[in-house]
Amino acid sequence: MNRKIPFVQSELNVAGHIPGFFGGPERPVRNTPVTSRENICAMYFDKEPFWLSTGIDNNFMIPSIYNNNLGRGMGADIVDSFGITWKWEPTAGGSIVVGGNPLLKNVNDWKDVIKFPDIDSWDWAGQAALEENKIDVSRSCEFSFVNGFLFERLISYMDFMPAAMALVDDDQTAALHELFGASAEFACKLVDKFCEYWPRIDGFNIHDDWGSQKAPFFSKEIADELFVPYMKILNDHIKSKGRYVSLHSCGHNFTRVQCFIDAGFDSWGPQLMNDTHALYEQFGDKIIIGVVPDPFDPETTSDEEQRERAKAHVDKFCKPGKPSMLGGFMNAPVFADALYEYSRKKYLGN
């Protein structure tokens, strides 16, 4: 593909709109020379996007066949395939396990308690027929594995406190390795099914929250021993299918980014309690980081200053061979247009 497509001002024209996140305002789609999907794939696979990727380039999907069996209901109470009840909390916009009566009390008992569902018995063809045509082929499609397969899933089995204690209990370590190994194998089978029945997908987004507002939940040593090897098994399998893999991991996980790199993740979108600028500078050549711009008030910041801020952001975080994504969301059309224009020119070498 010719990556030296000259920038023209008409690219800033609005060509359409896409829905906002969680019922938010619609977001404009520009008259770009290639599709958002092509831009995302150029970023992940070649490290040379056409412009700075933003949230409008991706289309996240959680098909019902996953959501209702292994997800969180997303708008309704469900009982998942492990027999765990998830309650939808409208004020939080998410679901939570009903605590106090965990399915698993000791990881050593997992083989007697945890029964992985027979996914071959699910109606994959029927579900795909209903949802495949809903994919917006102009944007990159990522399947989101909410709940993940490791720590988040362990919490759903055990409740948070017993799950955290199991990580430091030597008597449960061997069983954790067995459980996580079986979980990674199960996840790889799910990937195979999604790639077979939804061939237009480009990547997978894996959920596994590792931290609180102030610090990670567990040490790097525990992460390296118990989580990284099994994340890598799954991520390597995803990449063998020609797909990229992104990470959703909430919390103050700055000191765990090397674990994410070692596990083979292509990108991570950190929350605001992490210094995303420092993450990019230190690790941006090894993992694509969602970098949050310096905050400002669009209502009181002049158009000229917004454009200057956008240029400074592009100069710092759109280096050749070291792309970043735009982290967070800001309703600032002048700033957004300037980010697009400057990043287009930056990646052209202008």
Protein backbone atom coordinates (compact mmCIF):
# COMPACT_ATOMS: atom_id res chain seq x y z
CA MET A 1 0.00 0.00 0.00
CA ASN A 2 1.21 3.50 -0.80
CA ARG A 3 1.74 5.06 2.62
CA LYS A 4 2.74 8.43 1.18
CA ILE A 5 -0.79 9.55 0.36
CA PRO A 6 -0.58 13.36 0.55
CA PHE A 7 -2.76 15.10 3.11
CA VAL A 8 -5.58 17.24 1.72
CA GLN A 9 -7.76 19.58 3.74
CA SER A 10 -10.94 17.81 2.67
CA GLU A 11 -9.95 14.88 4.92
CA LEU A 12 -11.28 16.93 7.82
CA ASN A 13 -14.77 16.93 6.30
CA VAL A 14 -17.32 14.85 8.23
CA ALA A 15 -18.22 11.75 6.26
CA GLY A 16 -20.57 10.26 8.84
CA HIS A 17 -21.08 9.53 12.52
CA ILE A 18 -20.70 6.53 14.82
CA PRO A 19 -22.40 5.95 18.19
CA GLY A 20 -20.65 7.18 21.32
CA PHE A 21 -19.45 4.96 24.15
CA PHE A 22 -22.14 3.79 26.59
CA GLY A 23 -24.82 6.04 25.12
CA GLY A 24 -22.60 9.12 24.85
CA PRO A 25 -22.79 11.65 22.02
CA GLU A 26 -22.16 10.55 18.46
CA ARG A 27 -18.66 11.04 17.14
CA PRO A 28 -17.81 12.31 13.64
CA VAL A 29 -15.95 10.19 11.11
CA ARG A 30 -13.57 12.06 8.81
CA ASN A 31 -13.12 11.71 5.08
CA THR A 32 -9.91 9.72 5.50
CA PRO A 33 -7.86 8.38 2.54
CA VAL A 34 -7.94 4.84 3.98
CA THR A 35 -10.39 3.27 6.40
CA SER A 36 -9.96 3.37 10.15
CA ARG A 37 -9.51 -0.40 10.00
CA GLU A 38 -6.57 -0.03 7.63
CA ASN A 39 -5.07 2.58 9.93
CA ILE A 40 -5.35 0.34 13.00
CA CYS A 41 -3.83 -2.63 11.18
CA ALA A 42 -0.98 -0.45 9.91
CA MET A 43 -0.34 0.63 13.50
CA TYR A 44 -0.37 -2.87 14.99
CA PHE A 45 1.33 -4.85 12.27
CA ASP A 46 3.70 -2.31 10.68
CA LYS A 47 4.15 0.25 13.50
CA GLU A 48 3.46 2.93 10.88
CA PRO A 49 -0.13 4.21 11.05
CA PHE A 50 -1.49 6.89 8.74
CA TRP A 51 -2.64 9.03 11.69
CA LEU A 52 -2.86 8.95 15.48
CA SER A 53 -5.41 6.30 16.35
CA THR A 54 -8.36 7.36 18.47
CA GLY A 55 -11.37 5.60 19.92
CA ILE A 56 -13.35 5.91 16.69
CA ASP A 57 -10.98 3.53 14.87
CA ASN A 58 -12.05 0.48 16.90
CA ASN A 59 -15.28 -1.44 17.09
CA PHE A 60 -15.45 -3.57 20.24
CA MET A 61 -17.80 -6.55 20.23
CA ILE A 62 -18.93 -8.96 22.92
CA PRO A 63 -21.11 -11.45 21.03
CA SER A 64 -24.05 -12.84 22.97
CA ILE A 65 -22.64 -16.36 22.79
CA TYR A 66 -19.75 -15.17 24.99
CA ASN A 67 -21.53 -12.48 26.98
CA ASN A 68 -24.34 -14.74 28.19
CA ASN A 69 -22.09 -17.70 28.97
CA LEU A 70 -18.77 -16.27 30.13
CA GLY A 71 -19.33 -12.52 30.32
CA ARG A 72 -21.24 -10.31 32.71
CA GLY A 73 -24.65 -9.93 31.14
CA MET A 74 -23.98 -6.29 30.23
CA GLY A 75 -27.38 -4.88 31.09
CA ALA A 76 -29.04 -7.89 32.70
CA ASP A 77 -28.55 -10.35 35.54
CA ILE A 78 -27.15 -13.68 34.34
CA VAL A 79 -25.92 -17.02 35.61
CA ASP A 80 -22.78 -17.88 33.65
CA SER A 81 -21.64 -21.30 32.42
CA PHE A 82 -19.80 -21.92 35.69
CA GLY A 83 -23.01 -21.40 37.67
CA ILE A 84 -21.96 -17.98 39.01
CA THR A 85 -24.58 -15.25 39.36
CA TRP A 86 -23.75 -11.79 38.01
CA LYS A 87 -25.88 -8.84 39.12
CA TRP A 88 -26.15 -5.81 36.85
CA GLU A 89 -25.51 -2.50 38.65
CA PRO A 90 -27.01 0.32 36.55
CA THR A 91 -25.32 3.11 38.51
CA ALA A 92 -21.89 1.57 37.89
CA GLY A 93 -22.58 0.52 34.32
CA GLY A 94 -21.30 -2.97 35.04
CA SER A 95 -21.93 -6.28 36.76
CA ILE A 96 -20.62 -7.89 39.91
CA VAL A 97 -20.64 -11.39 41.36
CA VAL A 98 -22.96 -11.90 44.31
CA GLY A 99 -20.38 -12.38 47.05
CA GLY A 100 -20.37 -14.37 50.26
CA ASN A 101 -20.88 -17.85 48.88
CA PRO A 102 -17.98 -18.50 46.50
CA LEU A 103 -18.01 -21.40 44.08
CA LEU A 104 -14.41 -22.33 44.96
CA LYS A 105 -12.97 -22.05 48.46
CA ASN A 106 -9.55 -23.62 47.89
CA VAL A 107 -7.78 -23.82 44.54
CA ASN A 108 -6.65 -27.37 45.32
CA ASP A 109 -10.28 -28.41 44.80
CA TRP A 110 -10.64 -26.80 41.37
CA LYS A 111 -10.83 -30.04 39.36
CA ASP A 112 -13.86 -31.12 41.38
CA VAL A 113 -15.55 -27.72 41.27
CA ILE A 114 -14.66 -25.88 38.05
CA LYS A 115 -16.26 -27.42 34.98
CA PHE A 116 -15.30 -25.73 31.73
CA PRO A 117 -18.30 -25.59 29.39
CA ASP A 118 -18.49 -27.70 26.25
CA ILE A 119 -18.22 -24.90 23.72
CA ASP A 120 -18.60 -27.34 20.80
CA SER A 121 -22.25 -27.72 21.83
CA TRP A 122 -22.94 -23.98 21.46
CA ASP A 123 -24.74 -22.69 18.37
CA TRP A 124 -21.80 -20.84 16.86
CA ALA A 125 -23.11 -20.80 13.31
CA GLY A 126 -26.52 -19.52 14.37
CA GLN A 127 -25.07 -16.79 16.56
CA ALA A 128 -22.59 -15.69 13.92
CA ALA A 129 -25.37 -15.47 11.34
CA LEU A 130 -27.19 -13.03 13.61
CA GLU A 131 -24.19 -10.85 14.47
CA GLU A 132 -21.56 -11.13 11.73
CA ASN A 133 -23.29 -8.56 9.53
CA LYS A 134 -23.34 -6.08 12.42
CA ILE A 135 -19.58 -5.61 12.13
CA ASP A 136 -18.65 -2.20 10.75
CA VAL A 137 -16.00 -3.27 8.24
CA SER A 138 -14.65 0.29 7.97
CA ARG A 139 -13.36 0.06 11.54
CA SER A 140 -11.16 -2.52 13.20
CA CYS A 141 -13.18 -5.16 15.02
CA GLU A 142 -11.91 -6.43 18.38
CA PHE A 143 -13.63 -9.13 20.40
CA SER A 144 -13.57 -8.27 24.08
CA PHE A 145 -12.98 -11.11 26.50
CA VAL A 146 -14.44 -9.50 29.62
CA ASN A 147 -13.61 -11.24 32.91
CA GLY A 148 -10.46 -12.64 31.31
CA PHE A 149 -9.20 -16.10 32.14
CA LEU A 150 -6.81 -15.55 35.05
CA PHE A 151 -7.09 -13.17 38.03
CA GLU A 152 -10.50 -11.68 37.21
CA ARG A 153 -11.89 -15.15 36.59
CA LEU A 154 -10.31 -16.44 39.79
CA ILE A 155 -12.03 -13.62 41.70
CA SER A 156 -15.38 -14.67 40.24
CA TYR A 157 -14.76 -18.23 41.46
CA MET A 158 -13.52 -17.32 44.96
CA ASP A 159 -14.41 -13.68 45.82
CA PHE A 160 -11.61 -11.12 45.96
CA MET A 161 -10.01 -11.76 49.36
CA PRO A 162 -9.65 -15.56 49.06
CA ALA A 163 -8.40 -15.16 45.47
CA ALA A 164 -5.74 -12.66 46.55
CA MET A 165 -4.71 -14.90 49.46
CA ALA A 166 -4.42 -17.91 47.15
CA LEU A 167 -1.72 -16.10 45.17
CA VAL A 168 0.58 -16.06 48.21
CA ASP A 169 -0.38 -19.45 49.67
CA ASP A 170 2.37 -21.93 48.79
CA ASP A 171 -0.05 -24.80 49.38
CA GLN A 172 -2.23 -23.56 46.49
CA THR A 173 0.51 -22.56 44.02
CA ALA A 174 0.70 -25.86 42.15
CA ALA A 175 -3.07 -25.96 41.78
CA LEU A 176 -3.08 -22.38 40.47
CA HIS A 177 -0.63 -23.38 37.74
CA GLU A 178 -2.91 -26.28 36.80
CA LEU A 179 -6.03 -24.10 36.78
CA PHE A 180 -4.42 -21.28 34.80
CA GLY A 181 -2.94 -23.77 32.34
CA ALA A 182 -6.37 -25.30 31.77
CA SER A 183 -7.87 -21.80 31.49
CA ALA A 184 -5.34 -20.77 28.83
CA GLU A 185 -6.10 -23.94 26.86
CA PHE A 186 -9.82 -23.20 27.11
CA ALA A 187 -9.26 -19.60 25.98
CA CYS A 188 -7.29 -20.76 22.93
CA LYS A 189 -10.23 -22.95 21.91
CA LEU A 190 -12.52 -19.94 22.18
CA VAL A 191 -10.17 -17.95 19.95
CA ASP A 192 -10.35 -20.73 17.36
CA LYS A 193 -14.14 -20.60 17.37
CA PHE A 194 -14.30 -16.82 17.03
CA CYS A 195 -11.78 -16.80 14.19
CA GLU A 196 -13.72 -19.53 12.40
CA TYR A 197 -17.18 -17.99 12.72
CA TRP A 198 -16.27 -14.29 12.75
CA PRO A 199 -13.43 -14.22 10.19
CA ARG A 200 -13.59 -10.44 9.80
CA ILE A 201 -12.26 -9.77 13.29
CA ASP A 202 -8.81 -8.19 13.53
CA GLY A 203 -7.93 -8.59 17.19
CA PHE A 204 -8.83 -9.63 20.72
CA ASN A 205 -9.06 -7.44 23.79
CA ILE A 206 -8.22 -9.34 26.99
CA HIS A 207 -9.49 -8.16 30.38
CA ASP A 208 -7.53 -8.77 33.57
CA ASP A 209 -7.53 -6.00 36.18
CA TRP A 210 -4.32 -6.01 38.21
CA GLY A 211 -4.45 -2.97 40.44
CA SER A 212 -6.22 -0.49 42.67
CA GLN A 213 -6.14 3.29 42.49
CA LYS A 214 -2.72 3.40 44.18
CA ALA A 215 -0.88 0.14 43.59
CA PRO A 216 -0.97 -3.33 41.97
CA PHE A 217 -2.80 -6.12 43.77
CA PHE A 218 0.22 -8.43 43.78
CA SER A 219 3.99 -8.40 43.34
CA LYS A 220 5.86 -8.58 40.05
CA GLU A 221 7.29 -11.93 41.18
CA ILE A 222 3.79 -13.38 41.51
CA ALA A 223 2.79 -11.89 38.16
CA ASP A 224 5.85 -13.35 36.45
CA GLU A 225 5.27 -16.80 37.93
CA LEU A 226 1.51 -17.19 37.87
CA PHE A 227 0.13 -14.96 35.12
CA VAL A 228 2.68 -14.06 32.45
CA PRO A 229 3.32 -17.63 31.18
CA TYR A 230 -0.38 -18.32 30.63
CA MET A 231 -1.08 -14.90 29.13
CA LYS A 232 1.73 -15.59 26.69
CA ILE A 233 0.24 -18.95 25.70
CA LEU A 234 -3.02 -17.23 24.80
CA ASN A 235 -1.41 -14.19 23.14
CA ASP A 236 0.93 -16.33 21.05
CA HIS A 237 -2.05 -18.37 19.90
CA ILE A 238 -3.99 -15.22 18.94
CA LYS A 239 -1.02 -13.96 16.93
CA SER A 240 -0.67 -17.32 15.19
CA LYS A 241 -4.14 -16.59 13.82
CA GLY A 242 -2.93 -13.32 12.32
CA ARG A 243 -4.69 -11.15 14.89
CA TYR A 244 -3.39 -8.52 17.29
CA VAL A 245 -4.04 -8.56 21.03
CA SER A 246 -4.77 -5.58 23.27
CA LEU A 247 -5.00 -5.43 27.06
CA HIS A 248 -7.62 -3.93 29.34
CA SER A 249 -6.12 -3.83 32.84
CA CYS A 250 -7.47 -1.31 35.32
CA GLY A 251 -5.43 0.05 38.19
CA HIS A 252 -2.07 1.62 38.98
CA ASN A 253 -0.04 -0.92 37.01
CA PHE A 254 2.90 1.21 35.83
CA THR A 255 5.36 -1.15 37.51
CA ARG A 256 3.78 -4.17 35.79
CA VAL A 257 4.10 -2.98 32.19
CA GLN A 258 7.15 -5.22 31.65
CA CYS A 259 4.91 -8.17 32.54
CA PHE A 260 2.48 -7.09 29.82
CA ILE A 261 5.35 -6.84 27.34
CA ASP A 262 6.73 -10.24 28.31
CA ALA A 263 3.24 -11.73 27.93
CA GLY A 264 3.13 -10.52 24.33
CA PHE A 265 0.45 -7.84 24.43
CA ASP A 266 0.53 -5.43 21.51
CA SER A 267 -1.08 -2.53 23.36
CA TRP A 268 -2.36 -1.34 26.73
CA GLY A 269 -4.70 1.56 27.47
CA PRO A 270 -3.80 2.62 31.05
CA GLN A 271 -6.15 4.49 33.36
CA LEU A 272 -5.42 8.06 34.39
CA MET A 273 -3.64 7.17 37.65
CA ASN A 274 -0.75 5.91 35.49
CA ASP A 275 1.76 8.35 33.99
CA THR A 276 1.04 7.55 30.35
CA HIS A 277 3.66 10.02 29.11
CA ALA A 278 6.41 8.26 31.05
CA LEU A 279 5.09 4.87 29.96
CA TYR A 280 5.41 5.90 26.32
CA GLU A 281 8.91 7.27 26.76
CA GLN A 282 10.16 4.16 28.58
CA PHE A 283 8.22 1.37 26.90
CA GLY A 284 6.54 2.75 23.78
CA ASP A 285 8.93 0.94 21.46
CA LYS A 286 7.85 -2.41 22.96
CA ILE A 287 4.10 -1.94 23.53
CA ILE A 288 1.63 0.59 22.12
CA ILE A 289 0.41 2.85 24.91
CA GLY A 290 -2.81 4.86 25.08
CA VAL A 291 -1.33 8.27 25.91
CA VAL A 292 -3.62 10.79 27.63
CA PRO A 293 -3.11 14.42 26.48
CA ASP A 294 -2.32 17.13 28.99
CA PRO A 295 -5.70 18.30 30.32
CA PHE A 296 -7.28 21.60 29.32
CA ASP A 297 -10.72 23.17 29.19
CA PRO A 298 -11.92 23.37 25.58
CA GLU A 299 -14.40 26.07 26.54
CA THR A 300 -11.71 28.48 27.75
CA THR A 301 -8.78 27.46 25.53
CA SER A 302 -8.44 29.32 22.25
CA ASP A 303 -8.46 27.48 18.93
CA GLU A 304 -4.85 28.52 18.33
CA GLU A 305 -3.70 27.14 21.68
CA GLN A 306 -5.60 23.90 21.08
CA ARG A 307 -3.80 23.47 17.78
CA GLU A 308 -0.46 24.18 19.46
CA ARG A 309 -1.25 21.58 22.12
CA ALA A 310 -2.14 19.06 19.44
CA LYS A 311 1.10 19.67 17.55
CA ALA A 312 3.14 19.27 20.73
CA HIS A 313 1.35 16.00 21.52
CA VAL A 314 1.99 14.65 18.02
CA ASP A 315 5.66 15.67 18.06
CA LYS A 316 6.18 13.85 21.35
CA PHE A 317 4.05 10.74 20.94
CA CYS A 318 3.95 9.96 17.21
CA LYS A 319 7.55 8.99 16.59
CA PRO A 320 8.47 6.80 13.60
CA GLY A 321 8.31 3.12 14.51
CA LYS A 322 6.98 4.05 17.96
CA PRO A 323 3.26 4.79 17.57
CA SER A 324 0.83 5.54 20.34
CA MET A 325 -2.93 5.64 20.64
CA LEU A 326 -4.95 8.53 22.05
CA GLY A 327 -5.90 7.69 25.62
CA GLY A 328 -9.10 8.93 27.21
CA PHE A 329 -11.79 10.97 25.48
CA MET A 330 -12.06 14.73 25.22
CA ASN A 331 -14.94 16.57 23.53
CA ALA A 332 -12.73 19.14 21.80
CA PRO A 333 -13.34 19.17 18.02
CA VAL A 334 -10.64 21.75 17.22
CA PHE A 335 -8.01 19.78 19.17
CA ALA A 336 -9.16 16.50 17.61
CA ASP A 337 -8.98 17.87 14.07
CA ALA A 338 -5.51 19.27 14.74
CA LEU A 339 -4.34 15.93 16.16
CA TYR A 340 -5.50 14.22 13.01
CA GLU A 341 -3.95 16.73 10.62
CA TYR A 342 -0.60 17.01 12.40
CA SER A 343 -0.28 13.25 12.90
CA ARG A 344 -1.13 12.61 9.22
CA LYS A 345 1.66 14.98 8.20
CA LYS A 346 4.03 13.58 10.86
CA TYR A 347 3.68 10.03 9.55
CA LEU A 348 4.23 11.34 6.02
CA GLY A 349 7.56 12.69 7.20
CA ASN A 350 6.47 16.32 6.91
